[in-house]
N, C-alpha and C. Protein backbone atom coordinates (compact mmCIF):
# COMPACT_ATOMS: atom_id res chain seq x y z
N UNK A 1 0.84 -1.16 0.00
CA UNK A 1 0.00 0.00 0.00
C UNK A 1 0.89 1.22 0.00
N UNK A 2 0.44 2.25 -0.64
CA UNK A 2 1.20 3.48 -0.67
C UNK A 2 1.40 3.97 -2.07
N UNK A 3 1.98 5.13 -2.18
CA UNK A 3 2.21 5.75 -3.48
C UNK A 3 3.55 5.31 -4.04
N UNK A 4 3.64 5.32 -5.34
CA UNK A 4 4.91 5.01 -6.00
C UNK A 4 5.74 6.28 -5.98
N UNK A 5 6.65 6.33 -5.07
CA UNK A 5 7.50 7.50 -4.89
C UNK A 5 8.87 6.97 -4.47
N UNK A 6 9.80 7.05 -5.35
CA UNK A 6 11.11 6.44 -5.09
C UNK A 6 11.90 7.14 -3.99
N UNK A 7 11.48 8.34 -3.58
CA UNK A 7 12.21 9.05 -2.55
C UNK A 7 11.66 8.77 -1.15
N UNK A 8 10.49 8.16 -1.06
CA UNK A 8 9.91 7.90 0.26
C UNK A 8 10.21 6.47 0.70
N UNK A 9 10.08 6.25 1.99
CA UNK A 9 10.27 4.91 2.52
C UNK A 9 9.08 4.04 2.11
N UNK A 10 9.29 2.73 1.92
CA UNK A 10 8.18 1.87 1.59
C UNK A 10 7.17 1.83 2.73
N UNK A 11 5.91 1.65 2.41
CA UNK A 11 4.87 1.55 3.42
C UNK A 11 5.12 0.32 4.29
N UNK A 12 4.69 0.39 5.53
CA UNK A 12 4.91 -0.71 6.47
C UNK A 12 4.30 -2.00 5.94
N UNK A 13 3.13 -1.92 5.33
CA UNK A 13 2.44 -3.10 4.87
C UNK A 13 2.53 -3.29 3.36
N UNK A 14 3.58 -2.75 2.76
CA UNK A 14 3.77 -2.92 1.32
C UNK A 14 4.01 -4.40 1.04
N UNK A 15 3.18 -4.97 0.20
CA UNK A 15 3.28 -6.41 -0.09
C UNK A 15 3.81 -6.62 -1.50
N UNK A 16 4.72 -7.55 -1.61
CA UNK A 16 5.26 -7.93 -2.90
C UNK A 16 4.80 -9.35 -3.20
N UNK A 17 4.12 -9.54 -4.32
CA UNK A 17 3.65 -10.90 -4.62
C UNK A 17 4.80 -11.84 -4.95
N UNK A 18 4.58 -13.10 -4.67
CA UNK A 18 5.55 -14.12 -5.09
C UNK A 18 5.56 -14.17 -6.60
N UNK A 19 6.59 -14.77 -7.16
CA UNK A 19 6.73 -14.82 -8.62
C UNK A 19 5.51 -15.41 -9.32
N UNK A 20 4.90 -16.42 -8.73
CA UNK A 20 3.77 -17.10 -9.37
C UNK A 20 2.42 -16.74 -8.75
N UNK A 21 2.40 -15.72 -7.87
CA UNK A 21 1.18 -15.38 -7.15
C UNK A 21 0.32 -14.39 -7.93
N UNK A 22 -0.94 -14.74 -8.20
CA UNK A 22 -1.83 -13.79 -8.87
C UNK A 22 -2.08 -12.57 -7.97
N UNK A 23 -2.22 -11.41 -8.57
CA UNK A 23 -2.51 -10.20 -7.81
C UNK A 23 -3.24 -9.20 -8.70
N UNK A 24 -3.79 -8.18 -8.07
CA UNK A 24 -4.57 -7.17 -8.77
C UNK A 24 -4.24 -5.82 -8.16
N UNK A 25 -4.02 -4.81 -8.99
CA UNK A 25 -3.64 -3.48 -8.51
C UNK A 25 -4.82 -2.52 -8.68
N UNK A 26 -5.09 -1.75 -7.63
CA UNK A 26 -6.10 -0.70 -7.69
C UNK A 26 -5.39 0.64 -7.68
N UNK A 27 -5.79 1.53 -8.56
CA UNK A 27 -5.14 2.84 -8.67
C UNK A 27 -6.02 3.92 -8.05
N UNK A 28 -5.39 4.94 -7.53
CA UNK A 28 -6.10 6.03 -6.89
C UNK A 28 -7.04 6.79 -7.80
N UNK A 29 -6.80 6.78 -9.08
CA UNK A 29 -7.68 7.53 -10.00
C UNK A 29 -9.00 6.81 -10.27
N UNK A 30 -9.09 5.55 -9.89
CA UNK A 30 -10.32 4.78 -10.08
C UNK A 30 -11.31 5.16 -8.98
N UNK A 31 -12.48 5.70 -9.34
CA UNK A 31 -13.42 6.15 -8.32
C UNK A 31 -14.00 5.03 -7.45
N UNK A 32 -13.81 3.78 -7.84
CA UNK A 32 -14.31 2.67 -7.04
C UNK A 32 -13.22 2.00 -6.22
N UNK A 33 -11.99 2.36 -6.44
CA UNK A 33 -10.86 1.69 -5.79
C UNK A 33 -10.92 1.82 -4.28
N UNK A 34 -11.15 3.02 -3.78
CA UNK A 34 -11.15 3.21 -2.33
C UNK A 34 -12.25 2.40 -1.67
N UNK A 35 -13.40 2.26 -2.37
CA UNK A 35 -14.50 1.46 -1.82
C UNK A 35 -14.11 -0.01 -1.72
N UNK A 36 -13.39 -0.49 -2.71
CA UNK A 36 -12.94 -1.89 -2.69
C UNK A 36 -11.97 -2.12 -1.53
N UNK A 37 -11.09 -1.16 -1.30
CA UNK A 37 -10.13 -1.28 -0.20
C UNK A 37 -10.87 -1.26 1.15
N UNK A 38 -11.85 -0.38 1.29
CA UNK A 38 -12.63 -0.34 2.53
C UNK A 38 -13.40 -1.64 2.74
N UNK A 39 -13.94 -2.20 1.67
CA UNK A 39 -14.66 -3.47 1.79
C UNK A 39 -13.71 -4.57 2.26
N UNK A 40 -12.51 -4.61 1.67
CA UNK A 40 -11.52 -5.60 2.11
C UNK A 40 -11.23 -5.42 3.60
N UNK A 41 -11.04 -4.18 4.03
CA UNK A 41 -10.72 -3.91 5.43
C UNK A 41 -11.84 -4.38 6.35
N UNK A 42 -13.08 -4.15 5.96
CA UNK A 42 -14.21 -4.59 6.77
C UNK A 42 -14.28 -6.12 6.86
N UNK A 43 -14.05 -6.79 5.74
CA UNK A 43 -14.07 -8.25 5.72
C UNK A 43 -12.95 -8.81 6.57
N UNK A 44 -11.74 -8.23 6.44
CA UNK A 44 -10.60 -8.72 7.22
C UNK A 44 -10.82 -8.47 8.71
N UNK A 45 -11.38 -7.31 9.07
CA UNK A 45 -11.62 -7.03 10.48
C UNK A 45 -12.59 -8.07 11.06
N UNK A 46 -13.63 -8.40 10.32
CA UNK A 46 -14.58 -9.41 10.80
C UNK A 46 -13.90 -10.77 10.95
N UNK A 47 -13.02 -11.09 10.00
CA UNK A 47 -12.30 -12.36 10.08
C UNK A 47 -11.38 -12.39 11.31
N UNK A 48 -10.81 -11.25 11.67
CA UNK A 48 -9.98 -11.16 12.87
C UNK A 48 -10.86 -11.40 14.10
N UNK A 49 -12.02 -10.74 14.12
CA UNK A 49 -12.94 -10.93 15.25
C UNK A 49 -13.40 -12.37 15.37
N UNK A 50 -13.53 -13.05 14.23
CA UNK A 50 -13.96 -14.45 14.21
C UNK A 50 -12.82 -15.41 14.53
N UNK A 51 -11.61 -14.87 14.73
CA UNK A 51 -10.47 -15.69 15.09
C UNK A 51 -9.77 -16.36 13.91
N UNK A 52 -10.09 -15.93 12.69
CA UNK A 52 -9.47 -16.52 11.50
C UNK A 52 -8.09 -15.92 11.20
N UNK A 53 -7.85 -14.72 11.71
CA UNK A 53 -6.56 -14.04 11.55
C UNK A 53 -6.17 -13.49 12.92
N UNK A 54 -4.88 -13.29 13.16
CA UNK A 54 -4.45 -12.79 14.46
C UNK A 54 -4.80 -11.31 14.67
N UNK A 55 -4.96 -10.93 15.93
CA UNK A 55 -5.24 -9.53 16.29
C UNK A 55 -4.17 -8.59 15.72
N UNK A 56 -2.96 -9.08 15.56
CA UNK A 56 -1.87 -8.24 15.05
C UNK A 56 -2.14 -7.75 13.63
N UNK A 57 -3.06 -8.38 12.91
CA UNK A 57 -3.42 -7.93 11.56
C UNK A 57 -4.26 -6.65 11.56
N UNK A 58 -4.70 -6.20 12.73
CA UNK A 58 -5.50 -4.96 12.78
C UNK A 58 -4.69 -3.76 12.31
N UNK A 59 -3.38 -3.80 12.46
CA UNK A 59 -2.56 -2.71 11.94
C UNK A 59 -2.69 -2.61 10.44
N UNK A 60 -2.75 -3.74 9.77
CA UNK A 60 -2.92 -3.74 8.32
C UNK A 60 -4.30 -3.22 7.94
N UNK A 61 -5.30 -3.57 8.71
CA UNK A 61 -6.66 -3.08 8.46
C UNK A 61 -6.70 -1.56 8.59
N UNK A 62 -6.10 -1.05 9.64
CA UNK A 62 -6.06 0.40 9.86
C UNK A 62 -5.31 1.09 8.72
N UNK A 63 -4.17 0.53 8.32
CA UNK A 63 -3.40 1.12 7.22
C UNK A 63 -4.20 1.10 5.92
N UNK A 64 -4.95 0.04 5.69
CA UNK A 64 -5.76 -0.05 4.46
C UNK A 64 -6.83 1.03 4.46
N UNK A 65 -7.46 1.23 5.60
CA UNK A 65 -8.51 2.27 5.68
C UNK A 65 -7.91 3.66 5.47
N UNK A 66 -6.75 3.90 6.04
CA UNK A 66 -6.08 5.19 5.84
C UNK A 66 -5.73 5.39 4.36
N UNK A 67 -5.20 4.34 3.74
CA UNK A 67 -4.84 4.43 2.33
C UNK A 67 -6.08 4.64 1.46
N UNK A 68 -7.18 4.02 1.83
CA UNK A 68 -8.43 4.20 1.07
C UNK A 68 -8.84 5.67 1.06
N UNK A 69 -8.68 6.35 2.20
CA UNK A 69 -9.06 7.75 2.27
C UNK A 69 -8.10 8.62 1.44
N UNK A 70 -6.83 8.24 1.41
CA UNK A 70 -5.87 8.94 0.55
C UNK A 70 -6.26 8.74 -0.91
N UNK A 71 -6.63 7.51 -1.27
CA UNK A 71 -7.05 7.21 -2.65
C UNK A 71 -8.29 8.02 -3.03
N UNK A 72 -9.24 8.10 -2.11
CA UNK A 72 -10.47 8.86 -2.37
C UNK A 72 -10.15 10.33 -2.62
N UNK A 73 -9.31 10.91 -1.76
CA UNK A 73 -8.92 12.31 -1.93
C UNK A 73 -8.20 12.55 -3.25
N UNK A 74 -7.32 11.63 -3.60
CA UNK A 74 -6.58 11.76 -4.86
C UNK A 74 -7.56 11.73 -6.04
N UNK A 75 -8.48 10.79 -6.02
CA UNK A 75 -9.42 10.65 -7.11
C UNK A 75 -10.30 11.90 -7.24
N UNK A 76 -10.77 12.39 -6.12
CA UNK A 76 -11.60 13.60 -6.15
C UNK A 76 -10.82 14.78 -6.69
N UNK A 77 -9.55 14.89 -6.31
CA UNK A 77 -8.72 15.99 -6.81
C UNK A 77 -8.50 15.86 -8.32
N UNK A 78 -8.32 14.64 -8.80
CA UNK A 78 -8.12 14.42 -10.23
C UNK A 78 -9.37 14.75 -11.02
N UNK A 79 -10.52 14.41 -10.47
CA UNK A 79 -11.78 14.69 -11.16
C UNK A 79 -12.08 16.19 -11.19
N UNK A 80 -11.55 16.93 -10.23
CA UNK A 80 -11.79 18.36 -10.18
C UNK A 80 -10.89 19.15 -11.14
N UNK A 81 -9.86 18.49 -11.68
CA UNK A 81 -8.95 19.17 -12.60
C UNK A 81 -9.66 19.41 -13.94
N UNK A 82 -9.39 20.52 -14.56
CA UNK A 82 -9.96 20.75 -15.89
C UNK A 82 -9.39 19.77 -16.91
N UNK A 83 -10.22 19.35 -17.83
CA UNK A 83 -9.78 18.42 -18.89
C UNK A 83 -8.81 19.12 -19.81
N UNK A 84 -7.83 18.35 -20.30
CA UNK A 84 -6.84 18.93 -21.23
C UNK A 84 -7.34 18.85 -22.64
């Protein structure tokens, strides 16, 4: 999670897929991306409450929710820009 910025430190929960692991990237300019991240966070939090994941994963849930709000703000700012 986080922005692609080579001058900043990597995000704490930045995940790198294994060579053969399927993955999907959501971009901040997608108006539905932040909602998908929030949905994931809600599902994971419930799974933690149900004992399927350790309590220590709540940090990742919190980081995902924070990133979702950053994505939402970015998308709204992009939509407010005049078209070229």
